[in-house]
């Protein structure tokens, strides 16, 4: 065993008590089965109890998204694996479903956050994945695939 498998679950009940208080920065999201630390409109996922160090409940977040199929991931690699810039991506894939401007979407940048100028999102072309292509400040690109939202 390695990783979180050998860490015992939280048994102290403190996270539940904190989340039950109306003025607490700790909240429990029953739909996702997650505890969050909420601060100034942002939240962080809690994986371990502050008091006993035990593992908090397993999140259900992954159940909300499909698992990208290897066939579709390979198609993305084949289509844009050699792309050097957004023009190459647009030539290969056409118009995206959404475009986001990096300056307007990021109100509070985080330290060590990947900086980008524009994001092209292809969300309807594939059944199991969403493709995000980021234009980097120096003009290059990077991309990521994630599962389709299932609800």
Protein backbone atom coordinates (compact mmCIF):
# COMPACT_ATOMS: atom_id res chain seq x y z
CA UNK A 1 0.00 0.00 0.00
CA UNK A 2 1.09 3.54 -0.68
CA UNK A 3 -0.35 7.04 -0.89
CA UNK A 4 -3.70 7.81 0.73
CA UNK A 5 -4.61 4.11 1.04
CA UNK A 6 -2.56 3.70 4.23
CA UNK A 7 -3.87 6.88 5.92
CA UNK A 8 -6.79 6.31 8.23
CA UNK A 9 -10.06 8.15 7.78
CA UNK A 10 -10.97 11.12 9.99
CA UNK A 11 -12.87 9.90 13.05
CA UNK A 12 -12.80 13.04 15.24
CA UNK A 13 -15.87 14.72 13.72
CA UNK A 14 -14.39 18.22 13.83
CA UNK A 15 -14.88 18.99 10.10
CA UNK A 16 -18.58 18.13 10.41
CA UNK A 17 -18.92 20.39 13.48
CA UNK A 18 -17.17 23.27 11.73
CA UNK A 19 -19.30 22.91 8.60
CA UNK A 20 -22.49 22.95 10.70
CA UNK A 21 -21.69 26.44 12.03
CA UNK A 22 -23.12 29.29 9.95
CA UNK A 23 -20.08 31.58 10.35
CA UNK A 24 -17.46 28.90 9.69
CA UNK A 25 -15.00 29.09 6.78
CA UNK A 26 -15.45 25.31 6.43
CA UNK A 27 -18.33 24.16 4.25
CA UNK A 28 -19.53 20.72 3.23
CA UNK A 29 -20.85 20.16 -0.30
CA UNK A 30 -23.09 17.09 -0.04
CA UNK A 31 -23.46 16.75 -3.81
CA UNK A 32 -19.68 16.42 -4.23
CA UNK A 33 -19.09 14.84 -0.79
CA UNK A 34 -16.35 17.44 -0.19
CA UNK A 35 -15.25 19.77 2.59
CA UNK A 36 -14.04 23.20 1.42
CA UNK A 37 -12.15 26.02 3.10
CA UNK A 38 -13.87 29.18 1.84
CA UNK A 39 -12.07 32.53 1.87
CA UNK A 40 -12.93 35.75 0.02
CA UNK A 41 -15.12 34.01 -2.54
CA UNK A 42 -12.57 31.30 -3.34
CA UNK A 43 -12.42 27.81 -1.94
CA UNK A 44 -9.90 25.08 -1.45
CA UNK A 45 -10.69 21.40 -1.31
CA UNK A 46 -9.79 19.80 2.02
CA UNK A 47 -8.47 16.27 1.80
CA UNK A 48 -7.33 15.79 5.42
CA UNK A 49 -8.62 16.86 8.83
CA UNK A 50 -6.73 19.70 10.52
CA UNK A 51 -7.19 18.12 13.96
CA UNK A 52 -6.55 14.39 13.61
CA UNK A 53 -4.86 14.27 10.19
CA UNK A 54 -7.33 11.65 8.99
CA UNK A 55 -8.42 11.41 5.38
CA UNK A 56 -11.71 13.19 4.62
CA UNK A 57 -14.43 11.52 2.50
CA UNK A 58 -13.69 10.57 -1.08
CA UNK A 59 -14.92 13.23 -3.51
CA UNK A 60 -17.66 12.42 -6.03
CA UNK A 61 -16.44 15.18 -8.38
CA UNK A 62 -15.08 12.65 -10.88
CA UNK A 63 -18.55 11.17 -11.32
CA UNK A 64 -19.66 14.43 -12.93
CA UNK A 65 -17.32 14.04 -15.92
CA UNK A 66 -16.76 11.42 -18.60
CA UNK A 67 -13.45 9.62 -18.97
CA UNK A 68 -11.90 10.80 -22.27
CA UNK A 69 -11.64 7.88 -24.67
CA UNK A 70 -8.15 6.95 -25.84
CA UNK A 71 -9.39 7.06 -29.45
CA UNK A 72 -10.48 10.70 -29.07
CA UNK A 73 -7.28 11.64 -27.22
CA UNK A 74 -5.24 10.12 -30.05
CA UNK A 75 -7.31 12.07 -32.59
CA UNK A 76 -6.50 15.32 -30.76
CA UNK A 77 -2.77 14.43 -30.78
CA UNK A 78 -2.91 13.61 -34.48
CA UNK A 79 -4.76 16.81 -35.39
CA UNK A 80 -2.85 19.36 -33.31
CA UNK A 81 0.22 17.58 -31.94
CA UNK A 82 2.51 19.47 -34.33
CA UNK A 83 0.67 22.82 -34.06
CA UNK A 84 2.95 25.71 -33.12
CA UNK A 85 0.38 28.49 -32.66
CA UNK A 86 -3.35 29.24 -32.57
CA UNK A 87 -3.46 29.72 -36.34
CA UNK A 88 -2.30 26.10 -36.78
CA UNK A 89 -5.02 24.91 -34.36
CA UNK A 90 -7.72 26.94 -36.11
CA UNK A 91 -6.60 25.55 -39.48
CA UNK A 92 -6.85 21.99 -38.13
CA UNK A 93 -10.03 22.26 -36.05
CA UNK A 94 -11.91 25.32 -37.23
CA UNK A 95 -13.82 27.73 -35.02
CA UNK A 96 -13.92 26.81 -31.31
CA UNK A 97 -17.12 26.58 -29.29
CA UNK A 98 -15.84 29.25 -26.89
CA UNK A 99 -12.99 31.75 -26.70
CA UNK A 100 -11.77 33.31 -23.47
CA UNK A 101 -9.42 36.27 -23.03
CA UNK A 102 -6.81 35.57 -20.38
CA UNK A 103 -6.78 39.11 -19.06
CA UNK A 104 -10.51 39.29 -18.42
CA UNK A 105 -11.02 35.80 -17.02
CA UNK A 106 -8.26 35.95 -14.37
CA UNK A 107 -9.19 38.57 -11.81
CA UNK A 108 -6.79 37.38 -9.08
CA UNK A 109 -3.73 35.61 -10.52
CA UNK A 110 -2.21 32.88 -8.39
CA UNK A 111 1.54 32.50 -7.81
CA UNK A 112 3.14 30.10 -10.31
CA UNK A 113 -0.07 30.03 -12.37
CA UNK A 114 0.41 29.36 -16.08
CA UNK A 115 0.08 32.69 -17.87
CA UNK A 116 -1.89 32.70 -21.11
CA UNK A 117 -3.35 35.23 -23.56
CA UNK A 118 -6.34 33.40 -25.01
CA UNK A 119 -8.08 30.06 -24.55
CA UNK A 120 -9.93 28.21 -27.30
CA UNK A 121 -12.39 25.59 -26.03
CA UNK A 122 -13.69 22.77 -28.23
CA UNK A 123 -16.53 21.19 -26.25
CA UNK A 124 -18.89 19.73 -28.85
CA UNK A 125 -16.60 18.07 -31.39
CA UNK A 126 -15.97 14.95 -29.29
CA UNK A 127 -18.32 12.79 -27.22
CA UNK A 128 -16.05 12.11 -24.25
CA UNK A 129 -13.63 15.03 -24.07
CA UNK A 130 -13.26 18.79 -24.02
CA UNK A 131 -10.14 20.33 -25.56
CA UNK A 132 -8.70 23.58 -24.17
CA UNK A 133 -5.94 25.23 -26.20
CA UNK A 134 -4.03 28.02 -24.45
CA UNK A 135 -2.09 30.70 -26.29
CA UNK A 136 1.02 31.52 -24.25
CA UNK A 137 2.39 35.09 -23.93
CA UNK A 138 5.32 34.33 -26.26
CA UNK A 139 2.89 33.07 -28.94
CA UNK A 140 3.26 29.31 -28.51
CA UNK A 141 0.49 27.01 -27.35
CA UNK A 142 -0.24 24.26 -24.89
CA UNK A 143 -3.37 22.16 -24.61
CA UNK A 144 -5.25 19.93 -22.22
CA UNK A 145 -8.09 17.47 -22.50
CA UNK A 146 -10.70 16.84 -19.84
CA UNK A 147 -13.91 14.86 -19.61
CA UNK A 148 -17.27 16.11 -20.81
CA UNK A 149 -19.55 17.38 -18.04
CA UNK A 150 -22.22 14.79 -17.31
CA UNK A 151 -24.18 16.70 -14.69
